[in-house]
N, C-alpha and C. Protein backbone atom coordinates (compact mmCIF):
# COMPACT_ATOMS: atom_id res chain seq x y z
N MET A 1 0.86 -1.17 0.00
CA MET A 1 0.00 0.00 0.00
C MET A 1 0.90 1.24 0.00
N SER A 2 0.60 2.18 -0.87
CA SER A 2 1.40 3.40 -0.93
C SER A 2 1.18 4.23 0.35
N LYS A 3 2.14 5.10 0.60
CA LYS A 3 2.05 5.94 1.80
C LYS A 3 0.79 6.81 1.77
N ASN A 4 0.45 7.37 0.61
CA ASN A 4 -0.74 8.23 0.51
C ASN A 4 -2.02 7.43 0.73
N LYS A 5 -2.09 6.21 0.18
CA LYS A 5 -3.28 5.38 0.37
C LYS A 5 -3.44 4.99 1.83
N LYS A 6 -2.31 4.71 2.49
CA LYS A 6 -2.37 4.36 3.91
C LYS A 6 -2.87 5.55 4.72
N ILE A 7 -2.37 6.75 4.42
CA ILE A 7 -2.82 7.94 5.14
C ILE A 7 -4.31 8.17 4.90
N ASP A 8 -4.77 7.96 3.68
CA ASP A 8 -6.20 8.09 3.39
C ASP A 8 -7.01 7.09 4.20
N LEU A 9 -6.52 5.85 4.30
CA LEU A 9 -7.22 4.82 5.07
C LEU A 9 -7.25 5.20 6.55
N ILE A 10 -6.13 5.64 7.08
CA ILE A 10 -6.08 6.06 8.49
C ILE A 10 -7.08 7.18 8.74
N ASN A 11 -7.13 8.16 7.85
CA ASN A 11 -8.07 9.27 8.02
C ASN A 11 -9.51 8.80 7.95
N LEU A 12 -9.81 7.87 7.06
CA LEU A 12 -11.16 7.32 6.94
C LEU A 12 -11.57 6.61 8.23
N ILE A 13 -10.68 5.78 8.74
CA ILE A 13 -10.93 5.07 10.00
C ILE A 13 -11.12 6.08 11.14
N HIS A 14 -10.22 7.04 11.19
CA HIS A 14 -10.24 8.04 12.26
C HIS A 14 -11.56 8.80 12.32
N GLN A 15 -12.13 9.10 11.17
CA GLN A 15 -13.42 9.81 11.12
C GLN A 15 -14.54 9.01 11.78
N GLU A 16 -14.42 7.70 11.77
CA GLU A 16 -15.49 6.85 12.33
C GLU A 16 -15.33 6.58 13.81
N LEU A 17 -14.21 6.94 14.39
CA LEU A 17 -13.98 6.73 15.82
C LEU A 17 -14.59 7.88 16.62
N PRO A 18 -14.91 7.67 17.91
CA PRO A 18 -15.67 8.67 18.68
C PRO A 18 -14.91 9.93 19.09
N GLN A 19 -13.62 9.97 18.92
CA GLN A 19 -12.83 11.18 19.22
C GLN A 19 -12.83 11.58 20.69
N ILE A 20 -12.80 10.60 21.57
CA ILE A 20 -12.75 10.96 22.99
C ILE A 20 -11.37 10.72 23.60
N GLN A 21 -10.44 10.17 22.82
CA GLN A 21 -9.04 10.02 23.22
C GLN A 21 -8.89 9.33 24.58
N CYS A 22 -9.70 8.31 24.84
CA CYS A 22 -9.71 7.68 26.16
C CYS A 22 -8.56 6.70 26.38
N GLY A 23 -7.99 6.16 25.32
CA GLY A 23 -6.87 5.24 25.46
C GLY A 23 -7.25 3.82 25.83
N ARG A 24 -8.52 3.53 25.90
CA ARG A 24 -8.94 2.18 26.29
C ARG A 24 -8.54 1.10 25.29
N CYS A 25 -8.31 1.51 24.05
CA CYS A 25 -7.92 0.57 23.00
C CYS A 25 -6.44 0.24 23.08
N LYS A 26 -5.76 0.75 24.10
CA LYS A 26 -4.33 0.58 24.34
C LYS A 26 -3.47 1.41 23.39
N THR A 27 -4.02 2.53 22.91
CA THR A 27 -3.25 3.52 22.17
C THR A 27 -3.53 4.88 22.83
N PRO A 28 -2.69 5.89 22.58
CA PRO A 28 -2.89 7.18 23.23
C PRO A 28 -4.13 7.95 22.78
N GLY A 29 -4.68 7.61 21.63
CA GLY A 29 -5.84 8.34 21.15
C GLY A 29 -6.42 7.72 19.90
N CYS A 30 -7.47 8.33 19.38
CA CYS A 30 -8.20 7.78 18.25
C CYS A 30 -7.37 7.72 16.96
N TYR A 31 -6.56 8.74 16.70
CA TYR A 31 -5.75 8.72 15.48
C TYR A 31 -4.73 7.57 15.54
N GLU A 32 -4.13 7.39 16.70
CA GLU A 32 -3.16 6.31 16.86
C GLU A 32 -3.83 4.94 16.70
N TYR A 33 -5.05 4.81 17.21
CA TYR A 33 -5.78 3.55 17.04
C TYR A 33 -6.11 3.34 15.56
N ALA A 34 -6.52 4.40 14.88
CA ALA A 34 -6.79 4.30 13.45
C ALA A 34 -5.55 3.83 12.69
N SER A 35 -4.41 4.36 13.06
CA SER A 35 -3.15 3.97 12.43
C SER A 35 -2.85 2.50 12.68
N GLU A 36 -3.07 2.04 13.91
CA GLU A 36 -2.84 0.63 14.23
C GLU A 36 -3.83 -0.28 13.50
N ILE A 37 -5.07 0.16 13.37
CA ILE A 37 -6.05 -0.63 12.62
C ILE A 37 -5.57 -0.77 11.18
N ALA A 38 -5.07 0.31 10.60
CA ALA A 38 -4.56 0.27 9.22
C ALA A 38 -3.39 -0.71 9.10
N ASP A 39 -2.69 -0.93 10.21
CA ASP A 39 -1.57 -1.89 10.23
C ASP A 39 -2.01 -3.30 10.60
N GLY A 40 -3.31 -3.51 10.84
CA GLY A 40 -3.80 -4.86 11.07
C GLY A 40 -4.34 -5.19 12.45
N VAL A 41 -4.33 -4.23 13.37
CA VAL A 41 -4.87 -4.47 14.71
C VAL A 41 -6.39 -4.65 14.59
N GLU A 42 -6.96 -5.45 15.47
CA GLU A 42 -8.41 -5.71 15.44
C GLU A 42 -9.22 -4.43 15.53
N ILE A 43 -10.36 -4.43 14.86
CA ILE A 43 -11.22 -3.25 14.80
C ILE A 43 -12.25 -3.19 15.93
N ASN A 44 -12.21 -4.14 16.84
CA ASN A 44 -13.27 -4.22 17.86
C ASN A 44 -12.82 -3.77 19.25
N ARG A 45 -11.83 -2.91 19.34
CA ARG A 45 -11.32 -2.46 20.64
C ARG A 45 -11.95 -1.17 21.14
N CYS A 46 -12.79 -0.52 20.35
CA CYS A 46 -13.35 0.78 20.74
C CYS A 46 -14.66 0.57 21.51
N VAL A 47 -14.51 0.30 22.79
CA VAL A 47 -15.69 0.07 23.64
C VAL A 47 -16.57 1.32 23.72
N PRO A 48 -16.01 2.53 23.91
CA PRO A 48 -16.87 3.71 23.96
C PRO A 48 -17.66 3.93 22.66
N GLY A 49 -17.07 3.59 21.53
CA GLY A 49 -17.78 3.72 20.25
C GLY A 49 -18.85 2.67 20.08
N GLY A 50 -18.68 1.56 20.76
CA GLY A 50 -19.68 0.49 20.78
C GLY A 50 -20.01 -0.10 19.42
N ASP A 51 -21.22 -0.65 19.34
CA ASP A 51 -21.68 -1.33 18.14
C ASP A 51 -21.76 -0.39 16.94
N LYS A 52 -22.10 0.86 17.19
CA LYS A 52 -22.23 1.83 16.10
C LYS A 52 -20.89 2.00 15.37
N THR A 53 -19.82 2.19 16.13
CA THR A 53 -18.49 2.34 15.54
C THR A 53 -18.04 1.04 14.91
N LEU A 54 -18.29 -0.07 15.57
CA LEU A 54 -17.90 -1.37 15.04
C LEU A 54 -18.57 -1.63 13.69
N LYS A 55 -19.83 -1.29 13.56
CA LYS A 55 -20.53 -1.47 12.28
C LYS A 55 -19.87 -0.65 11.18
N LYS A 56 -19.50 0.57 11.48
CA LYS A 56 -18.85 1.43 10.49
C LYS A 56 -17.50 0.85 10.07
N LEU A 57 -16.74 0.35 11.05
CA LEU A 57 -15.43 -0.23 10.74
C LEU A 57 -15.59 -1.54 9.98
N ASN A 58 -16.59 -2.34 10.34
CA ASN A 58 -16.88 -3.56 9.58
C ASN A 58 -17.14 -3.23 8.11
N LYS A 59 -17.88 -2.17 7.87
CA LYS A 59 -18.20 -1.77 6.51
C LYS A 59 -16.93 -1.39 5.73
N ILE A 60 -16.06 -0.62 6.37
CA ILE A 60 -14.81 -0.21 5.73
C ILE A 60 -13.97 -1.42 5.33
N PHE A 61 -13.91 -2.41 6.22
CA PHE A 61 -13.03 -3.56 6.02
C PHE A 61 -13.72 -4.80 5.46
N GLY A 62 -15.02 -4.72 5.24
CA GLY A 62 -15.74 -5.88 4.73
C GLY A 62 -15.74 -7.04 5.69
N LYS A 63 -15.79 -6.73 6.96
CA LYS A 63 -15.80 -7.76 8.01
C LYS A 63 -17.19 -7.85 8.62
N SER A 64 -17.36 -8.85 9.47
CA SER A 64 -18.65 -9.01 10.15
C SER A 64 -18.45 -9.36 11.62
N ILE A 65 -17.55 -8.63 12.27
CA ILE A 65 -17.31 -8.84 13.70
C ILE A 65 -18.56 -8.35 14.44
N THR A 66 -19.08 -9.18 15.31
CA THR A 66 -20.38 -8.88 15.91
C THR A 66 -20.33 -8.26 17.30
N ALA A 67 -19.16 -8.25 17.95
CA ALA A 67 -19.13 -7.74 19.32
C ALA A 67 -17.84 -6.96 19.58
N VAL A 68 -17.98 -5.91 20.35
CA VAL A 68 -16.84 -5.14 20.82
C VAL A 68 -16.16 -5.95 21.91
N ASP A 69 -14.84 -5.93 21.95
CA ASP A 69 -14.07 -6.66 22.96
C ASP A 69 -14.13 -5.91 24.29
N LYS A 70 -14.94 -6.39 25.20
CA LYS A 70 -15.17 -5.72 26.49
C LYS A 70 -13.94 -5.74 27.40
N ASP A 71 -12.88 -6.49 27.01
CA ASP A 71 -11.65 -6.46 27.78
C ASP A 71 -10.97 -5.10 27.72
N TYR A 72 -11.42 -4.24 26.81
CA TYR A 72 -10.83 -2.91 26.66
C TYR A 72 -11.60 -1.85 27.45
N GLY A 73 -12.33 -2.27 28.45
CA GLY A 73 -12.96 -1.33 29.38
C GLY A 73 -14.45 -1.17 29.19
N PRO A 74 -15.11 -0.62 30.21
CA PRO A 74 -16.55 -0.40 30.12
C PRO A 74 -16.89 0.71 29.14
N SER A 75 -18.10 0.71 28.65
CA SER A 75 -18.51 1.78 27.75
C SER A 75 -18.67 3.07 28.54
N ILE A 76 -18.70 4.16 27.82
CA ILE A 76 -18.88 5.47 28.43
C ILE A 76 -20.24 5.99 27.97
N PRO A 77 -21.13 6.30 28.89
CA PRO A 77 -22.43 6.83 28.47
C PRO A 77 -22.26 8.19 27.79
N PHE A 78 -23.18 8.52 26.92
CA PHE A 78 -23.15 9.80 26.23
C PHE A 78 -23.11 10.92 27.26
N GLN A 79 -22.25 11.88 27.03
CA GLN A 79 -22.11 13.00 27.95
C GLN A 79 -22.15 14.30 27.16
N LYS A 80 -22.57 15.35 27.80
CA LYS A 80 -22.59 16.66 27.17
C LYS A 80 -21.84 17.62 28.08
N ALA A 81 -20.90 18.34 27.50
CA ALA A 81 -20.11 19.30 28.27
C ALA A 81 -20.66 20.71 28.08
N THR A 82 -20.57 21.48 29.12
CA THR A 82 -20.94 22.89 29.04
C THR A 82 -19.70 23.69 29.42
N ILE A 83 -19.34 24.64 28.59
CA ILE A 83 -18.17 25.47 28.85
C ILE A 83 -18.61 26.78 29.46
N VAL A 84 -18.04 27.09 30.60
CA VAL A 84 -18.28 28.37 31.25
C VAL A 84 -17.14 29.27 30.78
N GLU A 85 -17.42 30.09 29.79
CA GLU A 85 -16.36 30.87 29.14
C GLU A 85 -15.56 31.73 30.10
N SER A 86 -16.20 32.28 31.10
CA SER A 86 -15.49 33.16 32.03
C SER A 86 -14.48 32.39 32.89
N GLU A 87 -14.63 31.06 32.97
CA GLU A 87 -13.73 30.24 33.76
C GLU A 87 -12.81 29.39 32.91
N CYS A 88 -12.98 29.42 31.60
CA CYS A 88 -12.22 28.57 30.70
C CYS A 88 -10.78 29.04 30.57
N ILE A 89 -9.84 28.10 30.70
CA ILE A 89 -8.43 28.46 30.54
C ILE A 89 -7.88 27.92 29.20
N GLY A 90 -8.76 27.36 28.38
CA GLY A 90 -8.36 26.93 27.05
C GLY A 90 -7.60 25.62 26.99
N CYS A 91 -7.79 24.78 27.98
CA CYS A 91 -7.06 23.51 27.97
C CYS A 91 -7.53 22.60 26.88
């Protein structure tokens, strides 16, 4: 696979991940996990993304993995953040 095609694949995978950078997949963040998936790591490690993310990744790879590997931690319920601008330090 050419370098450009691999980068395109990584970006495609990355778009389907939940972007919470939790590290439960044993990588530092979603982009790193996308890169590892492109290198052949299993696509079922994103517990927070759950079945929805797994279905998207199955579609990309033409696979039919039916369950997220729960050994990578409990799921995270949907959360909504509110930013108090007067207290925000821009972290």
